[in-house]
Amino acid sequence: MRGPVRDVSRSHRHRARVVGRVFRSGRVFVVGTRIRTADPARCLDDLERRRRYAAIAGHEHYVGSAVEITIQRAHPTAEQPANECLLSIPQWDFNWQRIYSYDATLDQVPVANPGDVVQIKCTYNNTFSNPFEVQSLLDQGLSMPITVKLGETTLDEMCLGAFLVTY
């Protein structure tokens, strides 16, 4: 039996809220202004090799408000759920970024097999109800939310998952 995840941030105590909507315009990732709905960005990885997940991290910037990483198994065993949550951060905090490792031996950590799908789901809040967005805008001398695009600065946005895997 798998043990609990270690180092679960303080956000683990909070409940998820309806938060963000991501729009795609051609190849451009865009989060519009005043967006706060339940249509998150999703990225799927259809696995070709068996993987054991020893540690996991999610990453967003200031407009980010939640991260969830799951496995959808094509052929679960009796011990495996068809859908398994690997990481859930229902209230993202840019200043509280961690890598989360399972409190289990490597033969007990979650496993994904060929044909399984790993999904990362990020939600966003580009409104004044997001205190990180408010502070970021004030720091830039802005008074209203701006359209956010994919990028590396904190006023840009991204949706990343980092994995420590063994094969």
C-alpha atoms as a PDB file:
ATOM      1  CA  MET A   1       0.000   0.000   0.000  1.00  0.00           C
ATOM      2  CA  ARG A   2       1.331   3.424  -0.960  1.00  0.00           C
ATOM      3  CA  GLY A   3       1.990   5.912   1.825  1.00  0.00           C
ATOM      4  CA  PRO A   4       0.976   9.561   1.918  1.00  0.00           C
ATOM      5  CA  VAL A   5       2.791  12.226  -0.064  1.00  0.00           C
ATOM      6  CA  ARG A   6       5.421  14.088   1.975  1.00  0.00           C
ATOM      7  CA  ASP A   7       5.825  17.866   2.070  1.00  0.00           C
ATOM      8  CA  VAL A   8       2.292  18.670   0.995  1.00  0.00           C
ATOM      9  CA  SER A   9       2.167  22.439   1.042  1.00  0.00           C
ATOM     10  CA  ARG A  10      -0.202  24.471   3.138  1.00  0.00           C
ATOM     11  CA  SER A  11      -2.435  24.744   0.070  1.00  0.00           C
ATOM     12  CA  HIS A  12      -3.341  21.070   0.663  1.00  0.00           C
ATOM     13  CA  ARG A  13      -5.733  22.239   3.401  1.00  0.00           C
ATOM     14  CA  HIS A  14      -7.718  24.442   1.018  1.00  0.00           C
ATOM     15  CA  ARG A  15     -10.560  23.379  -1.256  1.00  0.00           C
ATOM     16  CA  ALA A  16     -10.553  23.932  -5.006  1.00  0.00           C
ATOM     17  CA  ARG A  17     -12.431  26.916  -6.395  1.00  0.00           C
ATOM     18  CA  VAL A  18     -13.723  27.632  -9.885  1.00  0.00           C
ATOM     19  CA  VAL A  19     -10.907  29.726 -11.268  1.00  0.00           C
ATOM     20  CA  GLY A  20      -9.613  29.989 -14.786  1.00  0.00           C
ATOM     21  CA  ARG A  21     -10.206  29.677 -18.485  1.00  0.00           C
ATOM     22  CA  VAL A  22      -7.543  29.313 -21.098  1.00  0.00           C
ATOM     23  CA  PHE A  23      -8.065  30.311 -24.685  1.00  0.00           C
ATOM     24  CA  ARG A  24      -5.986  29.179 -27.641  1.00  0.00           C
ATOM     25  CA  SER A  25      -5.633  31.404 -30.676  1.00  0.00           C
ATOM     26  CA  GLY A  26      -3.791  29.431 -33.323  1.00  0.00           C
ATOM     27  CA  ARG A  27      -0.588  28.364 -31.611  1.00  0.00           C
ATOM     28  CA  VAL A  28      -0.649  31.194 -29.080  1.00  0.00           C
ATOM     29  CA  PHE A  29      -1.496  30.391 -25.469  1.00  0.00           C
ATOM     30  CA  VAL A  30      -3.685  33.239 -24.142  1.00  0.00           C
ATOM     31  CA  VAL A  31      -5.436  33.913 -20.835  1.00  0.00           C
ATOM     32  CA  GLY A  32      -7.868  36.776 -21.399  1.00  0.00           C
ATOM     33  CA  THR A  33      -8.564  39.547 -18.893  1.00  0.00           C
ATOM     34  CA  ARG A  34     -11.240  39.060 -16.240  1.00  0.00           C
ATOM     35  CA  ILE A  35     -11.117  35.287 -16.776  1.00  0.00           C
ATOM     36  CA  ARG A  36     -12.298  33.168 -13.864  1.00  0.00           C
ATOM     37  CA  THR A  37     -14.115  30.039 -15.055  1.00  0.00           C
ATOM     38  CA  ALA A  38     -13.698  26.275 -14.848  1.00  0.00           C
ATOM     39  CA  ASP A  39     -12.161  25.502 -18.255  1.00  0.00           C
ATOM     40  CA  PRO A  40      -8.504  24.711 -17.475  1.00  0.00           C
ATOM     41  CA  ALA A  41      -5.537  24.162 -19.778  1.00  0.00           C
ATOM     42  CA  ARG A  42      -4.716  20.504 -20.307  1.00  0.00           C
ATOM     43  CA  CYS A  43      -1.667  18.718 -21.633  1.00  0.00           C
ATOM     44  CA  LEU A  44      -1.626  14.969 -22.278  1.00  0.00           C
ATOM     45  CA  ASP A  45       1.316  12.567 -22.493  1.00  0.00           C
ATOM     46  CA  ASP A  46       0.501   9.184 -24.039  1.00  0.00           C
ATOM     47  CA  LEU A  47       3.138   6.906 -22.549  1.00  0.00           C
ATOM     48  CA  GLU A  48       5.341   4.586 -24.564  1.00  0.00           C
ATOM     49  CA  ARG A  49       7.416   3.231 -21.645  1.00  0.00           C
ATOM     50  CA  ARG A  50       6.537   2.080 -18.152  1.00  0.00           C
ATOM     51  CA  ARG A  51       7.344   4.755 -15.555  1.00  0.00           C
ATOM     52  CA  ARG A  52       7.450   4.822 -11.752  1.00  0.00           C
ATOM     53  CA  TYR A  53       6.822   8.288 -10.307  1.00  0.00           C
ATOM     54  CA  ALA A  54       9.058   8.941  -7.282  1.00  0.00           C
ATOM     55  CA  ALA A  55       8.504  12.726  -7.102  1.00  0.00           C
ATOM     56  CA  ILE A  56       6.322  15.323  -8.828  1.00  0.00           C
ATOM     57  CA  ALA A  57       6.070  19.110  -9.099  1.00  0.00           C
ATOM     58  CA  GLY A  58       3.708  21.531 -10.818  1.00  0.00           C
ATOM     59  CA  HIS A  59       4.540  25.055 -11.927  1.00  0.00           C
ATOM     60  CA  GLU A  60       2.580  28.162 -12.915  1.00  0.00           C
ATOM     61  CA  HIS A  61       3.111  31.895 -12.513  1.00  0.00           C
ATOM     62  CA  TYR A  62       1.004  34.611 -10.805  1.00  0.00           C
ATOM     63  CA  VAL A  63      -2.172  34.104 -12.855  1.00  0.00           C
ATOM     64  CA  GLY A  64      -2.115  30.392 -12.028  1.00  0.00           C
ATOM     65  CA  SER A  65      -4.546  29.240  -9.359  1.00  0.00           C
ATOM     66  CA  ALA A  66      -4.521  25.401  -9.347  1.00  0.00           C
ATOM     67  CA  VAL A  67      -2.484  22.458 -10.671  1.00  0.00           C
ATOM     68  CA  GLU A  68      -3.498  18.809 -10.907  1.00  0.00           C
ATOM     69  CA  ILE A  69      -1.587  15.890 -12.438  1.00  0.00           C
ATOM     70  CA  THR A  70      -3.332  12.552 -13.013  1.00  0.00           C
ATOM     71  CA  ILE A  71      -2.834   9.166 -14.668  1.00  0.00           C
ATOM     72  CA  GLN A  72      -5.638   7.726 -16.792  1.00  0.00           C
ATOM     73  CA  ARG A  73      -4.869   4.026 -17.122  1.00  0.00           C
ATOM     74  CA  ALA A  74      -5.743   2.128 -20.282  1.00  0.00           C
ATOM     75  CA  HIS A  75      -5.605  -1.270 -18.517  1.00  0.00           C
ATOM     76  CA  PRO A  76      -5.459  -0.878 -14.715  1.00  0.00           C
ATOM     77  CA  THR A  77      -4.494  -3.878 -12.608  1.00  0.00           C
ATOM     78  CA  ALA A  78      -6.559  -4.971  -9.617  1.00  0.00           C
ATOM     79  CA  GLU A  79      -4.289  -2.829  -7.386  1.00  0.00           C
ATOM     80  CA  GLN A  80      -4.440   0.283  -9.591  1.00  0.00           C
ATOM     81  CA  PRO A  81      -7.292   2.755  -9.901  1.00  0.00           C
ATOM     82  CA  ALA A  82      -8.345   3.579 -13.471  1.00  0.00           C
ATOM     83  CA  ASN A  83      -7.718   7.259 -12.689  1.00  0.00           C
ATOM     84  CA  GLU A  84      -5.117   8.259 -10.103  1.00  0.00           C
ATOM     85  CA  CYS A  85      -4.235  11.719  -8.858  1.00  0.00           C
ATOM     86  CA  LEU A  86      -0.462  12.149  -8.667  1.00  0.00           C
ATOM     87  CA  LEU A  87      -0.511  15.778  -7.499  1.00  0.00           C
ATOM     88  CA  SER A  88      -3.245  18.213  -6.538  1.00  0.00           C
ATOM     89  CA  ILE A  89      -2.548  21.804  -5.555  1.00  0.00           C
ATOM     90  CA  PRO A  90      -6.054  23.286  -5.351  1.00  0.00           C
ATOM     91  CA  GLN A  91      -4.819  26.733  -4.333  1.00  0.00           C
ATOM     92  CA  TRP A  92      -1.597  27.534  -6.191  1.00  0.00           C
ATOM     93  CA  ASP A  93       0.832  29.845  -4.416  1.00  0.00           C
ATOM     94  CA  PHE A  94       3.750  31.053  -6.543  1.00  0.00           C
ATOM     95  CA  ASN A  95       5.831  31.570  -3.379  1.00  0.00           C
ATOM     96  CA  TRP A  96       5.272  28.000  -2.167  1.00  0.00           C
ATOM     97  CA  GLN A  97       6.781  25.858  -4.935  1.00  0.00           C
ATOM     98  CA  ARG A  98       7.881  22.380  -3.937  1.00  0.00           C
ATOM     99  CA  ILE A  99       8.776  18.978  -5.322  1.00  0.00           C
ATOM    100  CA  TYR A 100       6.588  16.373  -3.682  1.00  0.00           C
ATOM    101  CA  SER A 101       7.907  12.857  -3.098  1.00  0.00           C
ATOM    102  CA  TYR A 102       5.920   9.812  -2.049  1.00  0.00           C
ATOM    103  CA  ASP A 103       6.496   8.419   1.418  1.00  0.00           C
ATOM    104  CA  ALA A 104       6.953   4.959  -0.057  1.00  0.00           C
ATOM    105  CA  THR A 105       9.596   2.676  -1.496  1.00  0.00           C
ATOM    106  CA  LEU A 106      10.137   2.691  -5.268  1.00  0.00           C
ATOM    107  CA  ASP A 107       8.157  -0.526  -5.662  1.00  0.00           C
ATOM    108  CA  GLN A 108       5.161   1.215  -4.028  1.00  0.00           C
ATOM    109  CA  VAL A 109       5.044   4.553  -5.909  1.00  0.00           C
ATOM    110  CA  PRO A 110       2.501   5.172  -8.708  1.00  0.00           C
ATOM    111  CA  VAL A 111       3.213   3.394 -11.997  1.00  0.00           C
ATOM    112  CA  ALA A 112       2.087   4.316 -15.498  1.00  0.00           C
ATOM    113  CA  ASN A 113       2.291   1.799 -18.335  1.00  0.00           C
ATOM    114  CA  PRO A 114       2.343   2.091 -22.142  1.00  0.00           C
ATOM    115  CA  GLY A 115      -1.055   3.285 -23.325  1.00  0.00           C
ATOM    116  CA  ASP A 116      -1.746   5.192 -20.092  1.00  0.00           C
ATOM    117  CA  VAL A 117      -2.177   8.954 -20.294  1.00  0.00           C
ATOM    118  CA  VAL A 118      -0.623  11.438 -17.854  1.00  0.00           C
ATOM    119  CA  GLN A 119      -2.542  14.712 -17.789  1.00  0.00           C
ATOM    120  CA  ILE A 120      -1.549  18.027 -16.244  1.00  0.00           C
ATOM    121  CA  LYS A 121      -4.408  20.452 -15.699  1.00  0.00           C
ATOM    122  CA  CYS A 122      -3.747  24.104 -14.833  1.00  0.00           C
ATOM    123  CA  THR A 123      -6.369  26.684 -13.977  1.00  0.00           C
ATOM    124  CA  TYR A 124      -5.981  30.452 -14.006  1.00  0.00           C
ATOM    125  CA  ASN A 125      -7.436  33.540 -12.393  1.00  0.00           C
ATOM    126  CA  ASN A 126      -6.694  36.771 -14.256  1.00  0.00           C
ATOM    127  CA  THR A 127      -8.915  38.970 -12.064  1.00  0.00           C
ATOM    128  CA  PHE A 128      -8.479  41.274  -9.085  1.00  0.00           C
ATOM    129  CA  SER A 129      -9.686  38.454  -6.814  1.00  0.00           C
ATOM    130  CA  ASN A 130      -6.208  36.931  -7.333  1.00  0.00           C
ATOM    131  CA  PRO A 131      -3.864  38.710  -4.859  1.00  0.00           C
ATOM    132  CA  PHE A 132      -0.729  37.600  -6.767  1.00  0.00           C
ATOM    133  CA  GLU A 133      -2.092  39.160  -9.953  1.00  0.00           C
ATOM    134  CA  VAL A 134      -2.938  42.406  -8.134  1.00  0.00           C
ATOM    135  CA  GLN A 135       0.556  42.700  -6.647  1.00  0.00           C
ATOM    136  CA  SER A 136       2.229  41.825  -9.943  1.00  0.00           C
ATOM    137  CA  LEU A 137       0.217  44.476 -11.803  1.00  0.00           C
ATOM    138  CA  LEU A 138       0.990  47.105  -9.151  1.00  0.00           C
ATOM    139  CA  ASP A 139       4.708  46.235  -9.358  1.00  0.00           C
ATOM    140  CA  GLN A 140       4.522  46.885 -13.129  1.00  0.00           C
ATOM    141  CA  GLY A 141       2.639  50.173 -12.701  1.00  0.00           C
ATOM    142  CA  LEU A 142      -0.551  48.705 -14.219  1.00  0.00           C
ATOM    143  CA  SER A 143      -4.066  49.223 -12.885  1.00  0.00           C
ATOM    144  CA  MET A 144      -6.048  46.630 -14.873  1.00  0.00           C
ATOM    145  CA  PRO A 145      -5.464  42.946 -15.750  1.00  0.00           C
ATOM    146  CA  ILE A 146      -3.768  42.404 -19.096  1.00  0.00           C
ATOM    147  CA  THR A 147      -4.070  39.550 -21.587  1.00  0.00           C
ATOM    148  CA  VAL A 148      -1.528  36.926 -20.564  1.00  0.00           C
ATOM    149  CA  LYS A 149       0.445  34.802 -23.032  1.00  0.00           C
ATOM    150  CA  LEU A 150       2.840  31.903 -22.791  1.00  0.00           C
ATOM    151  CA  GLY A 151       6.225  33.059 -21.533  1.00  0.00           C
ATOM    152  CA  GLU A 152       8.856  32.993 -18.840  1.00  0.00           C
ATOM    153  CA  THR A 153       8.213  36.210 -16.900  1.00  0.00           C
ATOM    154  CA  THR A 154       5.835  36.270 -13.938  1.00  0.00           C
ATOM    155  CA  LEU A 155       3.284  38.328 -15.911  1.00  0.00           C
ATOM    156  CA  ASP A 156       3.389  35.609 -18.595  1.00  0.00           C
ATOM    157  CA  GLU A 157       2.002  32.176 -17.816  1.00  0.00           C
ATOM    158  CA  MET A 158       2.939  28.535 -18.154  1.00  0.00           C
ATOM    159  CA  CYS A 159       1.706  25.104 -17.127  1.00  0.00           C
ATOM    160  CA  LEU A 160       4.504  22.672 -16.307  1.00  0.00           C
ATOM    161  CA  GLY A 161       4.857  19.315 -14.633  1.00  0.00           C
ATOM    162  CA  ALA A 162       8.236  18.007 -13.455  1.00  0.00           C
ATOM    163  CA  PHE A 163       8.704  14.322 -12.738  1.00  0.00           C
ATOM    164  CA  LEU A 164      11.364  12.156 -11.104  1.00  0.00           C
ATOM    165  CA  VAL A 165      10.769   8.818 -12.798  1.00  0.00           C
ATOM    166  CA  THR A 166      12.434   5.437 -12.940  1.00  0.00           C
ATOM    167  CA  TYR A 167      11.963   2.917 -15.715  1.00  0.00           C
END
